[in-house]
C-alpha cells in the first residue's frame, strides 16, 4: 500500500503535462490560452496536473480582457529538476520553428529522469 502523496511523486508526468511544463518553463509568465496556441490542443488538464504537483503556480494576471491567469514554475520545479535557477535550463535551439517540439521535450525530460535515478 502506498499513500496518495507517495503515488503522486512516483507516477510520471504525461506527455501532455511534460509539453505544457516545458512551454511554461521557457516562456513564463504565460496564460493557458497562449499554451494552447503553442500546443494546438486544450491544456486544462495538464495545467491542473502541474498545479496539483506544485510544479507551476499562478504568478499574476495578464492585463486585458478577462485578466487571464499567468502561470510560472515553482521552487519545487527547480528542486525536482536539480536546477538552481531558470538560467540553468538548457538553451533552446535557434531554429526552434523547424524542430519537433515533442521530441525535444522528451530528450529534455529523459535527461532529468536519468539524473533523478542516479
C-alpha atoms as a PDB file:
ATOM      1  CA  UNK A   1       0.000   0.000   0.000  1.00  0.00           C
ATOM      2  CA  UNK A   2       1.322   3.453  -0.895  1.00  0.00           C
ATOM      3  CA  UNK A   3      -0.085   6.728   0.293  1.00  0.00           C
ATOM      4  CA  UNK A   4      -1.526   9.257  -2.133  1.00  0.00           C
ATOM      5  CA  UNK A   5       1.457  11.583  -1.727  1.00  0.00           C
ATOM      6  CA  UNK A   6       3.916   8.760  -2.482  1.00  0.00           C
ATOM      7  CA  UNK A   7       1.938   7.798  -5.581  1.00  0.00           C
ATOM      8  CA  UNK A   8       1.821  11.426  -6.719  1.00  0.00           C
ATOM      9  CA  UNK A   9       5.591  11.814  -6.655  1.00  0.00           C
ATOM     10  CA  UNK A  10       6.345   8.382  -8.099  1.00  0.00           C
ATOM     11  CA  UNK A  11       3.963   8.499 -11.060  1.00  0.00           C
ATOM     12  CA  UNK A  12       5.435  10.003 -14.190  1.00  0.00           C
ATOM     13  CA  UNK A  13       4.022  13.060 -15.870  1.00  0.00           C
ATOM     14  CA  UNK A  14       2.029  12.516 -19.056  1.00  0.00           C
ATOM     15  CA  UNK A  15       3.365  13.639 -22.428  1.00  0.00           C
ATOM     16  CA  UNK A  16       0.831  16.496 -22.370  1.00  0.00           C
ATOM     17  CA  UNK A  17       1.954  17.597 -18.897  1.00  0.00           C
ATOM     18  CA  UNK A  18       5.631  17.468 -19.906  1.00  0.00           C
ATOM     19  CA  UNK A  19       4.980  19.533 -23.030  1.00  0.00           C
ATOM     20  CA  UNK A  20       2.988  22.049 -21.012  1.00  0.00           C
ATOM     21  CA  UNK A  21       5.670  22.227 -18.320  1.00  0.00           C
ATOM     22  CA  UNK A  22       8.416  22.834 -20.904  1.00  0.00           C
ATOM     23  CA  UNK A  23       6.393  25.630 -22.517  1.00  0.00           C
ATOM     24  CA  UNK A  24       5.763  27.284 -19.149  1.00  0.00           C
ATOM     25  CA  UNK A  25       9.401  26.892 -18.038  1.00  0.00           C
ATOM     26  CA  UNK A  26      10.746  28.653 -21.131  1.00  0.00           C
ATOM     27  CA  UNK A  27       8.028  31.234 -21.782  1.00  0.00           C
ATOM     28  CA  UNK A  28       6.766  32.180 -18.335  1.00  0.00           C
ATOM     29  CA  UNK A  29       4.766  34.081 -17.338  1.00  0.00           C
ATOM     30  CA  UNK A  30       2.245  32.622 -19.791  1.00  0.00           C
ATOM     31  CA  UNK A  31      -1.530  32.172 -19.952  1.00  0.00           C
ATOM     32  CA  UNK A  32      -3.327  28.891 -20.576  1.00  0.00           C
ATOM     33  CA  UNK A  33      -4.639  30.288 -23.878  1.00  0.00           C
ATOM     34  CA  UNK A  34      -1.072  31.038 -25.015  1.00  0.00           C
ATOM     35  CA  UNK A  35      -0.019  27.496 -24.018  1.00  0.00           C
ATOM     36  CA  UNK A  36      -2.939  26.086 -26.025  1.00  0.00           C
ATOM     37  CA  UNK A  37      -1.962  28.170 -29.070  1.00  0.00           C
ATOM     38  CA  UNK A  38       1.528  26.646 -28.968  1.00  0.00           C
ATOM     39  CA  UNK A  39       0.387  23.057 -28.316  1.00  0.00           C
ATOM     40  CA  UNK A  40      -2.625  23.240 -30.631  1.00  0.00           C
ATOM     41  CA  UNK A  41      -4.862  21.476 -28.097  1.00  0.00           C
ATOM     42  CA  UNK A  42      -6.761  22.224 -24.888  1.00  0.00           C
ATOM     43  CA  UNK A  43      -4.454  22.262 -21.885  1.00  0.00           C
ATOM     44  CA  UNK A  44      -6.785  22.456 -18.863  1.00  0.00           C
ATOM     45  CA  UNK A  45      -5.923  19.002 -17.543  1.00  0.00           C
ATOM     46  CA  UNK A  46      -2.123  19.243 -17.928  1.00  0.00           C
ATOM     47  CA  UNK A  47      -2.176  22.663 -16.229  1.00  0.00           C
ATOM     48  CA  UNK A  48      -4.243  21.266 -13.329  1.00  0.00           C
ATOM     49  CA  UNK A  49      -1.886  18.277 -13.011  1.00  0.00           C
ATOM     50  CA  UNK A  50       1.148  20.566 -12.835  1.00  0.00           C
ATOM     51  CA  UNK A  51      -0.550  22.800 -10.253  1.00  0.00           C
ATOM     52  CA  UNK A  52      -1.520  19.786  -8.129  1.00  0.00           C
ATOM     53  CA  UNK A  53       2.100  18.607  -8.182  1.00  0.00           C
ATOM     54  CA  UNK A  54       3.278  22.114  -7.251  1.00  0.00           C
ATOM     55  CA  UNK A  55       5.475  22.376 -10.366  1.00  0.00           C
ATOM     56  CA  UNK A  56       3.661  25.507 -11.584  1.00  0.00           C
ATOM     57  CA  UNK A  57       1.634  28.216  -9.885  1.00  0.00           C
ATOM     58  CA  UNK A  58      -0.364  31.326 -10.589  1.00  0.00           C
ATOM     59  CA  UNK A  59       2.079  34.231 -10.757  1.00  0.00           C
ATOM     60  CA  UNK A  60      -0.313  37.025 -11.614  1.00  0.00           C
ATOM     61  CA  UNK A  61      -2.910  38.213 -14.078  1.00  0.00           C
ATOM     62  CA  UNK A  62      -2.398  39.495 -17.604  1.00  0.00           C
ATOM     63  CA  UNK A  63      -3.737  42.951 -18.387  1.00  0.00           C
ATOM     64  CA  UNK A  64      -6.605  42.966 -20.849  1.00  0.00           C
ATOM     65  CA  UNK A  65      -9.947  41.302 -21.439  1.00  0.00           C
ATOM     66  CA  UNK A  66     -10.808  38.788 -18.745  1.00  0.00           C
ATOM     67  CA  UNK A  67      -7.452  39.292 -16.997  1.00  0.00           C
ATOM     68  CA  UNK A  68      -6.329  35.689 -17.597  1.00  0.00           C
ATOM     69  CA  UNK A  69      -4.142  33.899 -15.068  1.00  0.00           C
ATOM     70  CA  UNK A  70      -0.404  33.904 -15.748  1.00  0.00           C
ATOM     71  CA  UNK A  71       1.476  30.725 -14.847  1.00  0.00           C
ATOM     72  CA  UNK A  72       5.101  30.200 -13.912  1.00  0.00           C
ATOM     73  CA  UNK A  73       7.232  27.441 -12.457  1.00  0.00           C
ATOM     74  CA  UNK A  74       7.732  26.975  -8.724  1.00  0.00           C
ATOM     75  CA  UNK A  75      10.727  26.432  -6.475  1.00  0.00           C
ATOM     76  CA  UNK A  76       9.621  22.765  -6.397  1.00  0.00           C
ATOM     77  CA  UNK A  77      10.095  22.669 -10.201  1.00  0.00           C
ATOM     78  CA  UNK A  78      13.689  23.850  -9.830  1.00  0.00           C
ATOM     79  CA  UNK A  79      14.317  21.395  -6.976  1.00  0.00           C
ATOM     80  CA  UNK A  80      12.710  18.474  -8.826  1.00  0.00           C
ATOM     81  CA  UNK A  81      14.926  19.016 -11.859  1.00  0.00           C
ATOM     82  CA  UNK A  82      18.043  19.878  -9.852  1.00  0.00           C
ATOM     83  CA  UNK A  83      18.251  23.484 -11.046  1.00  0.00           C
ATOM     84  CA  UNK A  84      19.391  26.484  -9.017  1.00  0.00           C
ATOM     85  CA  UNK A  85      17.622  28.933 -11.321  1.00  0.00           C
ATOM     86  CA  UNK A  86      15.778  29.148 -14.631  1.00  0.00           C
ATOM     87  CA  UNK A  87      19.030  30.322 -16.251  1.00  0.00           C
ATOM     88  CA  UNK A  88      20.238  26.715 -15.918  1.00  0.00           C
ATOM     89  CA  UNK A  89      17.568  25.442 -18.335  1.00  0.00           C
ATOM     90  CA  UNK A  90      19.212  24.081 -21.484  1.00  0.00           C
ATOM     91  CA  UNK A  91      19.182  26.726 -24.239  1.00  0.00           C
ATOM     92  CA  UNK A  92      16.523  26.422 -26.899  1.00  0.00           C
ATOM     93  CA  UNK A  93      17.878  25.761 -30.395  1.00  0.00           C
ATOM     94  CA  UNK A  94      17.926  28.846 -32.624  1.00  0.00           C
ATOM     95  CA  UNK A  95      15.914  27.140 -35.376  1.00  0.00           C
ATOM     96  CA  UNK A  96      13.081  26.293 -32.970  1.00  0.00           C
ATOM     97  CA  UNK A  97      10.369  26.550 -35.652  1.00  0.00           C
ATOM     98  CA  UNK A  98      11.960  23.644 -37.557  1.00  0.00           C
ATOM     99  CA  UNK A  99      12.263  21.358 -34.551  1.00  0.00           C
ATOM    100  CA  UNK A 100       9.852  18.664 -33.398  1.00  0.00           C
ATOM    101  CA  UNK A 101       8.913  20.098 -30.000  1.00  0.00           C
ATOM    102  CA  UNK A 102       7.624  16.754 -28.733  1.00  0.00           C
ATOM    103  CA  UNK A 103      10.977  15.073 -29.426  1.00  0.00           C
ATOM    104  CA  UNK A 104      12.881  17.924 -27.813  1.00  0.00           C
ATOM    105  CA  UNK A 105      10.658  17.795 -24.721  1.00  0.00           C
ATOM    106  CA  UNK A 106      11.231  14.027 -24.486  1.00  0.00           C
ATOM    107  CA  UNK A 107      15.006  14.468 -24.673  1.00  0.00           C
ATOM    108  CA  UNK A 108      14.947  17.268 -22.101  1.00  0.00           C
ATOM    109  CA  UNK A 109      12.903  15.334 -19.539  1.00  0.00           C
ATOM    110  CA  UNK A 110      14.612  11.986 -20.215  1.00  0.00           C
ATOM    111  CA  UNK A 111      17.866  13.661 -19.234  1.00  0.00           C
ATOM    112  CA  UNK A 112      16.427  14.794 -15.917  1.00  0.00           C
ATOM    113  CA  UNK A 113      14.794  11.433 -15.205  1.00  0.00           C
ATOM    114  CA  UNK A 114      18.165   9.769 -15.762  1.00  0.00           C
ATOM    115  CA  UNK A 115      19.778  12.190 -13.314  1.00  0.00           C
ATOM    116  CA  UNK A 116      16.982  11.540 -10.827  1.00  0.00           C
ATOM    117  CA  UNK A 117      17.605   7.767 -10.927  1.00  0.00           C
ATOM    118  CA  UNK A 118      21.341   8.114 -10.211  1.00  0.00           C
END
